[in-house]
């Protein structure tokens, strides 16, 4: 794997992300990643908390309007995450915590479908598409996954063993 990581680190995009003094390099990519996470995890968290009974005066059906913004945040995160990975492939791909983060993202995104169907479908609103308890369990799982994504992502900056090939 080391030759592959060295090859990625030698690409012009990787060098630009790591070494460019431009604000459009690492700082902008990391900022986009942060905004994307705020949109994706934040909207999911708001929906999950509403399912769990927080802010009962807010109509839950209105939250469906935020799903396009949530998906925009997810794809912004995906693209900026790939660019960050290209910038420091050894740092990420040799850290087991990176794979924990990816697994938690996959589970969290997988939960969006069942939660949306149970909460926003006409059948779900009438209670025939799943019990309130099952929807609450999904909401709790979603909150735990997104919290894990954020914590593991932050810890990546401090838990790596190799920053780059040869270092």
Protein backbone atom coordinates (compact mmCIF):
# COMPACT_ATOMS: atom_id res chain seq x y z
CA UNK A 1 0.00 0.00 0.00
CA UNK A 2 2.93 2.35 0.64
CA UNK A 3 3.76 2.83 -3.08
CA UNK A 4 0.12 3.70 -3.76
CA UNK A 5 0.06 6.22 -0.91
CA UNK A 6 3.35 7.72 -2.11
CA UNK A 7 1.91 8.04 -5.61
CA UNK A 8 -1.16 9.90 -4.31
CA UNK A 9 1.03 12.19 -2.21
CA UNK A 10 3.07 13.04 -5.32
CA UNK A 11 0.04 14.18 -7.35
CA UNK A 12 -0.34 17.87 -8.04
CA UNK A 13 -3.70 18.00 -6.22
CA UNK A 14 -2.20 16.44 -3.07
CA UNK A 15 0.75 18.82 -3.11
CA UNK A 16 -1.55 21.80 -3.69
CA UNK A 17 -3.83 20.85 -0.77
CA UNK A 18 -0.87 20.39 1.60
CA UNK A 19 1.53 23.08 0.52
CA UNK A 20 -0.34 25.92 -1.17
CA UNK A 21 -0.38 29.17 0.78
CA UNK A 22 -3.71 29.95 -0.88
CA UNK A 23 -6.77 30.26 1.33
CA UNK A 24 -8.53 28.18 -1.35
CA UNK A 25 -6.36 25.14 -0.59
CA UNK A 26 -6.43 23.34 2.76
CA UNK A 27 -8.30 26.04 4.75
CA UNK A 28 -11.15 26.31 2.23
CA UNK A 29 -11.47 22.56 1.74
CA UNK A 30 -11.53 22.00 5.50
CA UNK A 31 -14.10 24.79 5.90
CA UNK A 32 -16.31 23.19 3.24
CA UNK A 33 -15.99 19.88 5.06
CA UNK A 34 -17.06 21.53 8.31
CA UNK A 35 -20.04 23.29 6.72
CA UNK A 36 -21.10 20.07 5.00
CA UNK A 37 -20.93 18.18 8.29
CA UNK A 38 -22.94 20.89 9.99
CA UNK A 39 -25.67 20.62 7.37
CA UNK A 40 -25.75 16.82 7.14
CA UNK A 41 -25.35 15.97 10.81
CA UNK A 42 -27.19 19.05 12.04
CA UNK A 43 -30.34 18.48 10.03
CA UNK A 44 -30.33 14.80 10.94
CA UNK A 45 -29.88 15.72 14.60
CA UNK A 46 -32.72 18.24 14.53
CA UNK A 47 -35.06 15.65 13.00
CA UNK A 48 -33.96 12.97 15.47
CA UNK A 49 -34.43 15.29 18.43
CA UNK A 50 -37.88 16.29 17.17
CA UNK A 51 -38.80 12.59 16.88
CA UNK A 52 -37.64 12.15 20.47
CA UNK A 53 -40.01 14.87 21.64
CA UNK A 54 -37.92 18.05 21.63
CA UNK A 55 -39.83 21.12 20.40
CA UNK A 56 -43.22 19.39 20.09
CA UNK A 57 -44.78 22.60 18.76
CA UNK A 58 -42.72 22.37 15.56
CA UNK A 59 -44.60 20.36 12.92
CA UNK A 60 -42.39 17.42 12.03
CA UNK A 61 -43.78 17.31 8.48
CA UNK A 62 -42.18 20.70 7.77
CA UNK A 63 -38.73 19.25 8.37
CA UNK A 64 -38.95 17.30 5.12
CA UNK A 65 -38.22 20.59 3.34
CA UNK A 66 -34.69 20.50 4.76
CA UNK A 67 -33.78 17.14 3.22
CA UNK A 68 -32.37 18.69 0.00
CA UNK A 69 -30.13 20.89 2.14
CA UNK A 70 -29.07 17.86 4.17
CA UNK A 71 -28.16 15.98 0.99
CA UNK A 72 -26.27 19.04 -0.30
CA UNK A 73 -24.28 18.98 2.95
CA UNK A 74 -23.61 15.27 2.57
CA UNK A 75 -22.29 15.65 -0.98
CA UNK A 76 -20.26 18.73 -0.02
CA UNK A 77 -18.76 16.61 2.75
CA UNK A 78 -18.12 13.73 0.38
CA UNK A 79 -16.26 15.85 -2.18
CA UNK A 80 -14.28 17.86 0.37
CA UNK A 81 -13.49 14.65 2.27
CA UNK A 82 -12.05 13.05 -0.85
CA UNK A 83 -9.90 16.15 -1.44
CA UNK A 84 -8.68 16.06 2.18
CA UNK A 85 -7.95 12.35 1.78
CA UNK A 86 -5.91 13.06 -1.34
CA UNK A 87 -3.99 15.72 0.60
CA UNK A 88 -3.01 13.34 3.40
CA UNK A 89 -3.70 9.76 2.26
CA UNK A 90 -1.16 8.10 4.56
CA UNK A 91 -2.46 9.96 7.60
CA UNK A 92 -6.04 8.77 6.98
CA UNK A 93 -5.66 5.36 5.38
CA UNK A 94 -3.25 4.04 8.02
CA UNK A 95 -5.47 5.15 10.92
CA UNK A 96 -8.13 2.63 12.06
CA UNK A 97 -10.23 5.51 13.37
CA UNK A 98 -10.71 6.70 9.78
CA UNK A 99 -12.47 3.43 8.97
CA UNK A 100 -14.63 3.75 12.08
CA UNK A 101 -15.67 7.19 10.84
CA UNK A 102 -16.54 5.86 7.38
CA UNK A 103 -18.54 3.00 8.87
CA UNK A 104 -20.50 5.40 11.09
CA UNK A 105 -21.19 7.69 8.11
CA UNK A 106 -22.48 4.71 6.14
CA UNK A 107 -24.78 3.61 8.96
CA UNK A 108 -26.00 7.17 9.60
CA UNK A 109 -26.81 7.73 5.92
CA UNK A 110 -28.48 4.32 5.73
CA UNK A 111 -30.78 5.36 8.60
CA UNK A 112 -32.05 8.40 6.67
CA UNK A 113 -34.28 6.26 4.44
CA UNK A 114 -36.15 4.32 7.13
CA UNK A 115 -36.54 7.41 9.30
CA UNK A 116 -37.88 9.44 6.38
CA UNK A 117 -40.30 6.73 5.33
CA UNK A 118 -41.64 6.23 8.83
CA UNK A 119 -41.97 9.92 9.59
CA UNK A 120 -42.96 11.53 6.29
CA UNK A 121 -44.92 8.89 4.35
CA UNK A 122 -48.68 9.07 4.65
CA UNK A 123 -48.71 5.53 6.03
CA UNK A 124 -46.01 6.43 8.55
CA UNK A 125 -47.95 9.44 9.76
CA UNK A 126 -50.93 7.23 10.54
CA UNK A 127 -48.74 4.81 12.48
CA UNK A 128 -49.11 1.81 10.15
CA UNK A 129 -45.56 1.98 8.86
CA UNK A 130 -43.81 1.33 12.16
CA UNK A 131 -44.31 1.98 15.80
CA UNK A 132 -43.36 5.18 17.55
CA UNK A 133 -40.87 3.17 19.60
CA UNK A 134 -39.09 1.86 16.48
CA UNK A 135 -38.85 5.37 15.03
CA UNK A 136 -37.41 6.62 18.33
CA UNK A 137 -34.83 3.81 18.30
CA UNK A 138 -33.81 4.84 14.78
CA UNK A 139 -33.57 8.47 15.91
CA UNK A 140 -31.32 7.51 18.82
CA UNK A 141 -29.16 5.38 16.53
CA UNK A 142 -28.88 8.30 14.12
CA UNK A 143 -27.81 10.69 16.89
CA UNK A 144 -25.22 8.20 18.14
CA UNK A 145 -23.83 7.64 14.65
CA UNK A 146 -23.52 11.34 13.81
CA UNK A 147 -21.93 12.03 17.20
CA UNK A 148 -19.47 9.22 16.52
CA UNK A 149 -18.71 10.61 13.06
CA UNK A 150 -17.92 14.04 14.48
CA UNK A 151 -15.85 12.73 17.40
CA UNK A 152 -13.87 10.25 15.31
CA UNK A 153 -13.32 12.90 12.63
CA UNK A 154 -11.93 15.33 15.16
CA UNK A 155 -9.75 12.66 16.73
CA UNK A 156 -8.17 11.91 13.35
CA UNK A 157 -6.13 15.09 13.73
CA UNK A 158 -4.52 13.73 16.91
CA UNK A 159 -4.35 9.94 16.58
CA UNK A 160 -2.39 9.34 13.39
CA UNK A 161 0.88 7.42 13.47
CA UNK A 162 2.17 8.36 10.04
CA UNK A 163 1.54 11.74 8.44
CA UNK A 164 3.10 10.98 5.06
CA UNK A 165 5.33 8.39 3.44
CA UNK A 166 8.85 8.76 4.82
CA UNK A 167 7.75 10.76 7.90
